Amino acid sequence: MSDPERRVSVDGGKFTFVIPSGDYRVSILRYGESWHPPQTEAWTALHSIMAELDAARVVLRAVRTAIAMRNEGEVIGVLCDALEHHDGLVSDREPPSSWAGMP
């Protein structure tokens, strides 16, 4: 069984990175239309970027959900689950880049 198709959109849907089912190459859509054909160069870097972005989005969604709950016990559980999910998606523990302005 091959991996399912994977799509990650950025910039409000302006760009979508697509890894077709059973393929390793990444195509890039712009506003849903073909923009760059399947990339055979740097595809591992593109896969990594997509995984990091999705993992970060998992945590952000959990934080937003937890803030809306306002129940301390539930908040901690939701955040711990999100971090575990994040760690299952990526193994990288790099800190945010300096441009992000995090201390």
PDB file of N, CA and C in Angstrom:
ATOM      1  N   MET A   1       0.846  -1.184   0.000  1.00  0.00           N
ATOM      2  CA  MET A   1       0.000   0.000   0.000  1.00  0.00           C
ATOM      3  C   MET A   1       0.885   1.238   0.000  1.00  0.00           C
ATOM      4  N   SER A   2       0.607   2.194  -0.873  1.00  0.00           N
ATOM      5  CA  SER A   2       1.418   3.404  -0.944  1.00  0.00           C
ATOM      6  C   SER A   2       0.841   4.479  -0.026  1.00  0.00           C
ATOM      7  N   ASP A   3       1.681   5.458   0.238  1.00  0.00           N
ATOM      8  CA  ASP A   3       1.246   6.584   1.059  1.00  0.00           C
ATOM      9  C   ASP A   3       0.146   7.350   0.336  1.00  0.00           C
ATOM     10  N   PRO A   4      -0.766   7.956   1.090  1.00  0.00           N
ATOM     11  CA  PRO A   4      -1.806   8.764   0.443  1.00  0.00           C
ATOM     12  C   PRO A   4      -1.211  10.064  -0.097  1.00  0.00           C
ATOM     13  N   GLU A   5      -1.916  10.685  -1.008  1.00  0.00           N
ATOM     14  CA  GLU A   5      -1.486  11.994  -1.501  1.00  0.00           C
ATOM     15  C   GLU A   5      -1.404  12.964  -0.326  1.00  0.00           C
ATOM     16  N   ARG A   6      -0.424  13.824  -0.382  1.00  0.00           N
ATOM     17  CA  ARG A   6      -0.254  14.811   0.682  1.00  0.00           C
ATOM     18  C   ARG A   6      -0.239  16.198   0.070  1.00  0.00           C
ATOM     19  N   ARG A   7      -1.043  17.098   0.628  1.00  0.00           N
ATOM     20  CA  ARG A   7      -1.122  18.485   0.166  1.00  0.00           C
ATOM     21  C   ARG A   7      -0.938  19.411   1.357  1.00  0.00           C
ATOM     22  N   VAL A   8      -0.078  20.401   1.176  1.00  0.00           N
ATOM     23  CA  VAL A   8       0.122  21.414   2.205  1.00  0.00           C
ATOM     24  C   VAL A   8       0.037  22.775   1.518  1.00  0.00           C
ATOM     25  N   SER A   9      -0.943  23.579   1.942  1.00  0.00           N
ATOM     26  CA  SER A   9      -1.126  24.908   1.367  1.00  0.00           C
ATOM     27  C   SER A   9      -0.531  25.964   2.290  1.00  0.00           C
ATOM     28  N   VAL A  10      -0.021  27.024   1.683  1.00  0.00           N
ATOM     29  CA  VAL A  10       0.556  28.140   2.428  1.00  0.00           C
ATOM     30  C   VAL A  10       0.077  29.455   1.824  1.00  0.00           C
ATOM     31  N   ASP A  11       0.293  30.522   2.552  1.00  0.00           N
ATOM     32  CA  ASP A  11      -0.033  31.874   2.097  1.00  0.00           C
ATOM     33  C   ASP A  11      -1.499  31.976   1.705  1.00  0.00           C
ATOM     34  N   GLY A  12      -2.362  31.480   2.609  1.00  0.00           N
ATOM     35  CA  GLY A  12      -3.801  31.561   2.380  1.00  0.00           C
ATOM     36  C   GLY A  12      -4.277  30.773   1.176  1.00  0.00           C
ATOM     37  N   GLY A  13      -3.550  29.716   0.823  1.00  0.00           N
ATOM     38  CA  GLY A  13      -3.922  28.883  -0.308  1.00  0.00           C
ATOM     39  C   GLY A  13      -3.298  29.314  -1.625  1.00  0.00           C
ATOM     40  N   LYS A  14      -2.481  30.356  -1.605  1.00  0.00           N
ATOM     41  CA  LYS A  14      -1.841  30.813  -2.843  1.00  0.00           C
ATOM     42  C   LYS A  14      -0.979  29.709  -3.448  1.00  0.00           C
ATOM     43  N   PHE A  15      -0.196  29.018  -2.594  1.00  0.00           N
ATOM     44  CA  PHE A  15       0.663  27.944  -3.057  1.00  0.00           C
ATOM     45  C   PHE A  15       0.270  26.648  -2.364  1.00  0.00           C
ATOM     46  N   THR A  16       0.271  25.552  -3.109  1.00  0.00           N
ATOM     47  CA  THR A  16      -0.003  24.237  -2.544  1.00  0.00           C
ATOM     48  C   THR A  16       1.098  23.293  -3.014  1.00  0.00           C
ATOM     49  N   PHE A  17       1.733  22.630  -2.051  1.00  0.00           N
ATOM     50  CA  PHE A  17       2.761  21.642  -2.339  1.00  0.00           C
ATOM     51  C   PHE A  17       2.085  20.282  -2.316  1.00  0.00           C
ATOM     52  N   VAL A  18       2.307  19.486  -3.371  1.00  0.00           N
ATOM     53  CA  VAL A  18       1.600  18.218  -3.530  1.00  0.00           C
ATOM     54  C   VAL A  18       2.596  17.085  -3.742  1.00  0.00           C
ATOM     55  N   ILE A  19       2.460  16.035  -2.921  1.00  0.00           N
ATOM     56  CA  ILE A  19       3.192  14.784  -3.127  1.00  0.00           C
ATOM     57  C   ILE A  19       2.139  13.750  -3.502  1.00  0.00           C
ATOM     58  N   PRO A  20       2.117  13.312  -4.762  1.00  0.00           N
ATOM     59  CA  PRO A  20       1.113  12.341  -5.181  1.00  0.00           C
ATOM     60  C   PRO A  20       1.285  10.995  -4.468  1.00  0.00           C
ATOM     61  N   SER A  21       0.224  10.250  -4.392  1.00  0.00           N
ATOM     62  CA  SER A  21       0.263   8.911  -3.813  1.00  0.00           C
ATOM     63  C   SER A  21       1.252   8.049  -4.587  1.00  0.00           C
ATOM     64  N   GLY A  22       2.127   7.371  -3.873  1.00  0.00           N
ATOM     65  CA  GLY A  22       3.073   6.466  -4.503  1.00  0.00           C
ATOM     66  C   GLY A  22       4.222   7.143  -5.214  1.00  0.00           C
ATOM     67  N   ASP A  23       4.416   8.431  -4.996  1.00  0.00           N
ATOM     68  CA  ASP A  23       5.495   9.174  -5.652  1.00  0.00           C
ATOM     69  C   ASP A  23       6.302   9.898  -4.579  1.00  0.00           C
ATOM     70  N   TYR A  24       7.458  10.353  -4.917  1.00  0.00           N
ATOM     71  CA  TYR A  24       8.291  11.089  -3.967  1.00  0.00           C
ATOM     72  C   TYR A  24       8.448  12.547  -4.380  1.00  0.00           C
ATOM     73  N   ARG A  25       8.136  12.843  -5.636  1.00  0.00           N
ATOM     74  CA  ARG A  25       8.360  14.188  -6.159  1.00  0.00           C
ATOM     75  C   ARG A  25       7.274  15.149  -5.676  1.00  0.00           C
ATOM     76  N   VAL A  26       7.647  16.409  -5.541  1.00  0.00           N
ATOM     77  CA  VAL A  26       6.740  17.442  -5.067  1.00  0.00           C
ATOM     78  C   VAL A  26       6.416  18.392  -6.212  1.00  0.00           C
ATOM     79  N   SER A  27       5.128  18.570  -6.466  1.00  0.00           N
ATOM     80  CA  SER A  27       4.674  19.564  -7.440  1.00  0.00           C
ATOM     81  C   SER A  27       4.160  20.769  -6.671  1.00  0.00           C
ATOM     82  N   ILE A  28       4.208  21.918  -7.315  1.00  0.00           N
ATOM     83  CA  ILE A  28       3.745  23.142  -6.667  1.00  0.00           C
ATOM     84  C   ILE A  28       2.644  23.763  -7.512  1.00  0.00           C
ATOM     85  N   LEU A  29       1.500  24.003  -6.863  1.00  0.00           N
ATOM     86  CA  LEU A  29       0.379  24.676  -7.512  1.00  0.00           C
ATOM     87  C   LEU A  29       0.354  26.129  -7.050  1.00  0.00           C
ATOM     88  N   ARG A  30      -0.111  27.005  -7.923  1.00  0.00           N
ATOM     89  CA  ARG A  30      -0.318  28.405  -7.563  1.00  0.00           C
ATOM     90  C   ARG A  30      -1.777  28.707  -7.859  1.00  0.00           C
ATOM     91  N   TYR A  31      -2.518  29.060  -6.802  1.00  0.00           N
ATOM     92  CA  TYR A  31      -3.968  29.257  -6.904  1.00  0.00           C
ATOM     93  C   TYR A  31      -4.647  28.044  -7.532  1.00  0.00           C
ATOM     94  N   GLY A  32      -4.186  26.849  -7.167  1.00  0.00           N
ATOM     95  CA  GLY A  32      -4.800  25.610  -7.616  1.00  0.00           C
ATOM     96  C   GLY A  32      -4.408  25.145  -9.009  1.00  0.00           C
ATOM     97  N   GLU A  33      -3.617  25.933  -9.701  1.00  0.00           N
ATOM     98  CA  GLU A  33      -3.181  25.585 -11.058  1.00  0.00           C
ATOM     99  C   GLU A  33      -1.716  25.156 -11.034  1.00  0.00           C
ATOM    100  N   SER A  34      -1.345  24.244 -11.922  1.00  0.00           N
ATOM    101  CA  SER A  34       0.033  23.781 -12.001  1.00  0.00           C
ATOM    102  C   SER A  34       0.967  24.966 -12.171  1.00  0.00           C
ATOM    103  N   TRP A  35       2.000  25.010 -11.345  1.00  0.00           N
ATOM    104  CA  TRP A  35       2.935  26.124 -11.397  1.00  0.00           C
ATOM    105  C   TRP A  35       4.351  25.612 -11.639  1.00  0.00           C
ATOM    106  N   HIS A  36       4.771  24.631 -10.832  1.00  0.00           N
ATOM    107  CA  HIS A  36       6.062  23.976 -11.032  1.00  0.00           C
ATOM    108  C   HIS A  36       5.804  22.478 -11.134  1.00  0.00           C
ATOM    109  N   PRO A  37       6.344  21.854 -12.170  1.00  0.00           N
ATOM    110  CA  PRO A  37       6.138  20.412 -12.345  1.00  0.00           C
ATOM    111  C   PRO A  37       6.823  19.631 -11.226  1.00  0.00           C
ATOM    112  N   PRO A  38       6.632  18.324 -11.194  1.00  0.00           N
ATOM    113  CA  PRO A  38       7.253  17.521 -10.138  1.00  0.00           C
ATOM    114  C   PRO A  38       8.747  17.796 -10.009  1.00  0.00           C
ATOM    115  N   GLN A  39       9.143  18.114  -8.800  1.00  0.00           N
ATOM    116  CA  GLN A  39      10.535  18.447  -8.515  1.00  0.00           C
ATOM    117  C   GLN A  39      11.328  17.182  -8.225  1.00  0.00           C
ATOM    118  N   THR A  40      12.368  16.966  -9.002  1.00  0.00           N
ATOM    119  CA  THR A  40      13.244  15.822  -8.746  1.00  0.00           C
ATOM    120  C   THR A  40      14.484  16.255  -7.986  1.00  0.00           C
ATOM    121  N   GLU A  41      14.730  17.547  -7.914  1.00  0.00           N
ATOM    122  CA  GLU A  41      15.863  18.083  -7.154  1.00  0.00           C
ATOM    123  C   GLU A  41      15.319  18.661  -5.857  1.00  0.00           C
ATOM    124  N   ALA A  42      16.015  18.439  -4.802  1.00  0.00           N
ATOM    125  CA  ALA A  42      15.678  18.997  -3.487  1.00  0.00           C
ATOM    126  C   ALA A  42      14.349  18.487  -2.948  1.00  0.00           C
ATOM    127  N   TRP A  43      13.862  17.360  -3.454  1.00  0.00           N
ATOM    128  CA  TRP A  43      12.565  16.867  -2.993  1.00  0.00           C
ATOM    129  C   TRP A  43      12.599  16.484  -1.517  1.00  0.00           C
ATOM    130  N   THR A  44      13.732  16.008  -1.019  1.00  0.00           N
ATOM    131  CA  THR A  44      13.791  15.664   0.411  1.00  0.00           C
ATOM    132  C   THR A  44      13.681  16.918   1.259  1.00  0.00           C
ATOM    133  N   ALA A  45      14.260  18.019   0.800  1.00  0.00           N
ATOM    134  CA  ALA A  45      14.145  19.285   1.531  1.00  0.00           C
ATOM    135  C   ALA A  45      12.697  19.763   1.537  1.00  0.00           C
ATOM    136  N   LEU A  46      12.020  19.625   0.404  1.00  0.00           N
ATOM    137  CA  LEU A  46      10.619  20.023   0.330  1.00  0.00           C
ATOM    138  C   LEU A  46       9.747  19.146   1.232  1.00  0.00           C
ATOM    139  N   HIS A  47      10.009  17.853   1.267  1.00  0.00           N
ATOM    140  CA  HIS A  47       9.273  16.949   2.169  1.00  0.00           C
ATOM    141  C   HIS A  47       9.461  17.409   3.622  1.00  0.00           C
ATOM    142  N   SER A  48      10.693  17.746   3.985  1.00  0.00           N
ATOM    143  CA  SER A  48      10.988  18.173   5.353  1.00  0.00           C
ATOM    144  C   SER A  48      10.258  19.463   5.709  1.00  0.00           C
ATOM    145  N   ILE A  49      10.248  20.398   4.787  1.00  0.00           N
ATOM    146  CA  ILE A  49       9.541  21.664   5.026  1.00  0.00           C
ATOM    147  C   ILE A  49       8.053  21.400   5.238  1.00  0.00           C
ATOM    148  N   MET A  50       7.472  20.537   4.412  1.00  0.00           N
ATOM    149  CA  MET A  50       6.054  20.231   4.538  1.00  0.00           C
ATOM    150  C   MET A  50       5.750  19.576   5.885  1.00  0.00           C
ATOM    151  N   ALA A  51       6.604  18.647   6.314  1.00  0.00           N
ATOM    152  CA  ALA A  51       6.396  17.961   7.593  1.00  0.00           C
ATOM    153  C   ALA A  51       6.512  18.937   8.759  1.00  0.00           C
ATOM    154  N   GLU A  52       7.517  19.803   8.728  1.00  0.00           N
ATOM    155  CA  GLU A  52       7.698  20.787   9.799  1.00  0.00           C
ATOM    156  C   GLU A  52       6.498  21.720   9.891  1.00  0.00           C
ATOM    157  N   LEU A  53       6.004  22.171   8.744  1.00  0.00           N
ATOM    158  CA  LEU A  53       4.866  23.082   8.738  1.00  0.00           C
ATOM    159  C   LEU A  53       3.627  22.403   9.300  1.00  0.00           C
ATOM    160  N   ASP A  54       3.340  21.193   8.849  1.00  0.00           N
ATOM    161  CA  ASP A  54       2.176  20.472   9.376  1.00  0.00           C
ATOM    162  C   ASP A  54       2.306  20.216  10.869  1.00  0.00           C
ATOM    163  N   ALA A  55       3.502  19.848  11.323  1.00  0.00           N
ATOM    164  CA  ALA A  55       3.711  19.592  12.753  1.00  0.00           C
ATOM    165  C   ALA A  55       3.477  20.860  13.568  1.00  0.00           C
ATOM    166  N   ALA A  56       3.967  21.976  13.093  1.00  0.00           N
ATOM    167  CA  ALA A  56       3.749  23.242  13.793  1.00  0.00           C
ATOM    168  C   ALA A  56       2.267  23.601  13.827  1.00  0.00           C
ATOM    169  N   ARG A  57       1.568  23.333  12.734  1.00  0.00           N
ATOM    170  CA  ARG A  57       0.133  23.625  12.685  1.00  0.00           C
ATOM    171  C   ARG A  57      -0.655  22.761  13.665  1.00  0.00           C
ATOM    172  N   VAL A  58      -0.202  21.531  13.899  1.00  0.00           N
ATOM    173  CA  VAL A  58      -0.843  20.667  14.902  1.00  0.00           C
ATOM    174  C   VAL A  58      -0.787  21.333  16.268  1.00  0.00           C
ATOM    175  N   VAL A  59       0.377  21.831  16.627  1.00  0.00           N
ATOM    176  CA  VAL A  59       0.558  22.454  17.936  1.00  0.00           C
ATOM    177  C   VAL A  59      -0.227  23.758  18.027  1.00  0.00           C
ATOM    178  N   LEU A  60      -0.185  24.576  16.994  1.00  0.00           N
ATOM    179  CA  LEU A  60      -0.935  25.836  17.015  1.00  0.00           C
ATOM    180  C   LEU A  60      -2.433  25.597  17.170  1.00  0.00           C
ATOM    181  N   ARG A  61      -2.960  24.614  16.464  1.00  0.00           N
ATOM    182  CA  ARG A  61      -4.390  24.320  16.584  1.00  0.00           C
ATOM    183  C   ARG A  61      -4.723  23.898  18.020  1.00  0.00           C
ATOM    184  N   ALA A  62      -3.855  23.082  18.613  1.00  0.00           N
ATOM    185  CA  ALA A  62      -4.098  22.634  19.987  1.00  0.00           C
ATOM    186  C   ALA A  62      -4.036  23.795  20.958  1.00  0.00           C
ATOM    187  N   VAL A  63      -3.100  24.690  20.774  1.00  0.00           N
ATOM    188  CA  VAL A  63      -3.004  25.858  21.657  1.00  0.00           C
ATOM    189  C   VAL A  63      -4.273  26.688  21.555  1.00  0.00           C
ATOM    190  N   ARG A  64      -4.731  26.921  20.344  1.00  0.00           N
ATOM    191  CA  ARG A  64      -5.965  27.704  20.170  1.00  0.00           C
ATOM    192  C   ARG A  64      -7.165  26.999  20.805  1.00  0.00           C
ATOM    193  N   THR A  65      -7.229  25.684  20.648  1.00  0.00           N
ATOM    194  CA  THR A  65      -8.312  24.909  21.263  1.00  0.00           C
ATOM    195  C   THR A  65      -8.225  24.985  22.777  1.00  0.00           C
ATOM    196  N   ALA A  66      -7.011  24.826  23.309  1.00  0.00           N
ATOM    197  CA  ALA A  66      -6.812  24.849  24.759  1.00  0.00           C
ATOM    198  C   ALA A  66      -7.174  26.202  25.348  1.00  0.00           C
ATOM    199  N   ILE A  67      -6.808  27.262  24.679  1.00  0.00           N
ATOM    200  CA  ILE A  67      -7.132  28.604  25.171  1.00  0.00           C
ATOM    201  C   ILE A  67      -8.644  28.788  25.241  1.00  0.00           C
ATOM    202  N   ALA A  68      -9.351  28.250  24.264  1.00  0.00           N
ATOM    203  CA  ALA A  68     -10.806  28.373  24.242  1.00  0.00           C
ATOM    204  C   ALA A  68     -11.459  27.570  25.365  1.00  0.00           C
ATOM    205  N   MET A  69     -10.805  26.494  25.840  1.00  0.00           N
ATOM    206  CA  MET A  69     -11.369  25.634  26.882  1.00  0.00           C
ATOM    207  C   MET A  69     -11.402  26.318  28.245  1.00  0.00           C
ATOM    208  N   ARG A  70     -10.326  26.964  28.579  1.00  0.00           N
ATOM    209  CA  ARG A  70     -10.199  27.669  29.868  1.00  0.00           C
ATOM    210  C   ARG A  70     -10.315  26.742  31.076  1.00  0.00           C
ATOM    211  N   ASN A  71     -10.060  25.460  30.904  1.00  0.00           N
ATOM    212  CA  ASN A  71     -10.047  24.503  32.007  1.00  0.00           C
ATOM    213  C   ASN A  71      -8.627  23.969  32.092  1.00  0.00           C
ATOM    214  N   GLU A  72      -7.931  24.318  33.163  1.00  0.00           N
ATOM    215  CA  GLU A  72      -6.496  24.051  33.264  1.00  0.00           C
ATOM    216  C   GLU A  72      -6.132  22.583  33.027  1.00  0.00           C
ATOM    217  N   GLY A  73      -6.882  21.659  33.604  1.00  0.00           N
ATOM    218  CA  GLY A  73      -6.584  20.242  33.420  1.00  0.00           C
ATOM    219  C   GLY A  73      -6.721  19.803  31.978  1.00  0.00           C
ATOM    220  N   GLU A  74      -7.789  20.233  31.328  1.00  0.00           N
ATOM    221  CA  GLU A  74      -8.002  19.890  29.919  1.00  0.00           C
ATOM    222  C   GLU A  74      -6.951  20.556  29.044  1.00  0.00           C
ATOM    223  N   VAL A  75      -6.602  21.788  29.368  1.00  0.00           N
ATOM    224  CA  VAL A  75      -5.621  22.533  28.574  1.00  0.00           C
ATOM    225  C   VAL A  75      -4.298  21.782  28.545  1.00  0.00           C
ATOM    226  N   ILE A  76      -3.833  21.362  29.689  1.00  0.00           N
ATOM    227  CA  ILE A  76      -2.546  20.660  29.756  1.00  0.00           C
ATOM    228  C   ILE A  76      -2.610  19.365  28.956  1.00  0.00           C
ATOM    229  N   GLY A  77      -3.702  18.632  29.064  1.00  0.00           N
ATOM    230  CA  GLY A  77      -3.848  17.388  28.314  1.00  0.00           C
ATOM    231  C   GLY A  77      -3.835  17.618  26.812  1.00  0.00           C
ATOM    232  N   VAL A  78      -4.564  18.632  26.356  1.00  0.00           N
ATOM    233  CA  VAL A  78      -4.616  18.939  24.929  1.00  0.00           C
ATOM    234  C   VAL A  78      -3.228  19.326  24.425  1.00  0.00           C
ATOM    235  N   LEU A  79      -2.511  20.138  25.194  1.00  0.00           N
ATOM    236  CA  LEU A  79      -1.179  20.572  24.771  1.00  0.00           C
ATOM    237  C   LEU A  79      -0.188  19.415  24.761  1.00  0.00           C
ATOM    238  N   CYS A  80      -0.265  18.559  25.763  1.00  0.00           N
ATOM    239  CA  CYS A  80       0.626  17.388  25.787  1.00  0.00           C
ATOM    240  C   CYS A  80       0.343  16.464  24.600  1.00  0.00           C
ATOM    241  N   ASP A  81      -0.936  16.241  24.285  1.00  0.00           N
ATOM    242  CA  ASP A  81      -1.294  15.414  23.126  1.00  0.00           C
ATOM    243  C   ASP A  81      -0.771  16.033  21.833  1.00  0.00           C
ATOM    244  N   ALA A  82      -0.874  17.346  21.720  1.00  0.00           N
ATOM    245  CA  ALA A  82      -0.410  18.025  20.510  1.00  0.00           C
ATOM    246  C   ALA A  82       1.097  17.900  20.358  1.00  0.00           C
ATOM    247  N   LEU A  83       1.823  18.056  21.442  1.00  0.00           N
ATOM    248  CA  LEU A  83       3.278  17.917  21.363  1.00  0.00           C
ATOM    249  C   LEU A  83       3.670  16.489  20.996  1.00  0.00           C
ATOM    250  N   GLU A  84       2.968  15.513  21.517  1.00  0.00           N
ATOM    251  CA  GLU A  84       3.243  14.119  21.172  1.00  0.00           C
ATOM    252  C   GLU A  84       2.966  13.875  19.685  1.00  0.00           C
ATOM    253  N   HIS A  85       1.868  14.437  19.189  1.00  0.00           N
ATOM    254  CA  HIS A  85       1.538  14.311  17.771  1.00  0.00           C
ATOM    255  C   HIS A  85       2.622  14.985  16.923  1.00  0.00           C
ATOM    256  N   HIS A  86       3.042  16.169  17.335  1.00  0.00           N
ATOM    257  CA  HIS A  86       4.123  16.902  16.651  1.00  0.00           C
ATOM    258  C   HIS A  86       5.369  16.040  16.564  1.00  0.00           C
ATOM    259  N   ASP A  87       5.759  15.464  17.689  1.00  0.00           N
ATOM    260  CA  ASP A  87       6.978  14.648  17.730  1.00  0.00           C
ATOM    261  C   ASP A  87       6.865  13.402  16.862  1.00  0.00           C
ATOM    262  N   GLY A  88       5.642  12.916  16.653  1.00  0.00           N
ATOM    263  CA  GLY A  88       5.446  11.779  15.771  1.00  0.00           C
ATOM    264  C   GLY A  88       5.568  12.143  14.293  1.00  0.00           C
ATOM    265  N   LEU A  89       5.373  13.424  13.992  1.00  0.00           N
ATOM    266  CA  LEU A  89       5.467  13.875  12.607  1.00  0.00           C
ATOM    267  C   LEU A  89       6.885  14.249  12.201  1.00  0.00           C
ATOM    268  N   VAL A  90       7.638  14.809  13.124  1.00  0.00           N
ATOM    269  CA  VAL A  90       9.004  15.255  12.831  1.00  0.00           C
ATOM    270  C   VAL A  90       9.908  14.929  14.009  1.00  0.00           C
ATOM    271  N   SER A  91      11.187  14.745  13.712  1.00  0.00           N
ATOM    272  CA  SER A  91      12.138  14.469  14.785  1.00  0.00           C
ATOM    273  C   SER A  91      13.025  15.669  15.073  1.00  0.00           C
ATOM    274  N   ASP A  92      12.906  16.693  14.263  1.00  0.00           N
ATOM    275  CA  ASP A  92      13.759  17.868  14.387  1.00  0.00           C
ATOM    276  C   ASP A  92      13.392  18.677  15.629  1.00  0.00           C
ATOM    277  N   ARG A  93      14.391  19.120  16.352  1.00  0.00           N
ATOM    278  CA  ARG A  93      14.174  19.936  17.545  1.00  0.00           C
ATOM    279  C   ARG A  93      14.866  21.296  17.410  1.00  0.00           C
ATOM    280  N   GLU A  94      14.999  21.761  16.175  1.00  0.00           N
ATOM    281  CA  GLU A  94      15.632  23.050  15.941  1.00  0.00           C
ATOM    282  C   GLU A  94      14.787  24.161  16.555  1.00  0.00           C
ATOM    283  N   PRO A  95      15.422  25.149  17.158  1.00  0.00           N
ATOM    284  CA  PRO A  95      14.653  26.287  17.676  1.00  0.00           C
ATOM    285  C   PRO A  95      14.176  27.145  16.507  1.00  0.00           C
ATOM    286  N   PRO A  96      13.217  28.038  16.756  1.00  0.00           N
ATOM    287  CA  PRO A  96      12.779  28.937  15.677  1.00  0.00           C
ATOM    288  C   PRO A  96      13.955  29.748  15.138  1.00  0.00           C
ATOM    289  N   SER A  97      13.897  30.089  13.877  1.00  0.00           N
ATOM    290  CA  SER A  97      14.932  30.918  13.272  1.00  0.00           C
ATOM    291  C   SER A  97      14.947  32.296  13.905  1.00  0.00           C
ATOM    292  N   SER A  98      16.061  32.989  13.810  1.00  0.00           N
ATOM    293  CA  SER A  98      16.200  34.306  14.448  1.00  0.00           C
ATOM    294  C   SER A  98      15.183  35.312  13.912  1.00  0.00           C
ATOM    295  N   TRP A  99      14.772  35.169  12.650  1.00  0.00           N
ATOM    296  CA  TRP A  99      13.814  36.113  12.089  1.00  0.00           C
ATOM    297  C   TRP A  99      12.455  36.045  12.772  1.00  0.00           C
ATOM    298  N   ALA A 100      12.176  34.912  13.465  1.00  0.00           N
ATOM    299  CA  ALA A 100      10.896  34.748  14.144  1.00  0.00           C
ATOM    300  C   ALA A 100      10.801  35.608  15.399  1.00  0.00           C
ATOM    301  N   GLY A 101      11.929  36.093  15.882  1.00  0.00           N
ATOM    302  CA  GLY A 101      11.932  36.992  17.028  1.00  0.00           C
ATOM    303  C   GLY A 101      11.664  36.328  18.367  1.00  0.00           C
ATOM    304  N   MET A 102      11.885  35.017  18.455  1.00  0.00           N
ATOM    305  CA  MET A 102      11.681  34.302  19.727  1.00  0.00           C
ATOM    306  C   MET A 102      12.936  34.422  20.576  1.00  0.00           C
ATOM    307  N   PRO A 103      12.775  34.710  21.856  1.00  0.00           N
ATOM    308  CA  PRO A 103      13.991  34.805  22.720  1.00  0.00           C
ATOM    309  C   PRO A 103      14.645  33.474  22.955  1.00  0.00           C
TER     310      PRO A 103
END
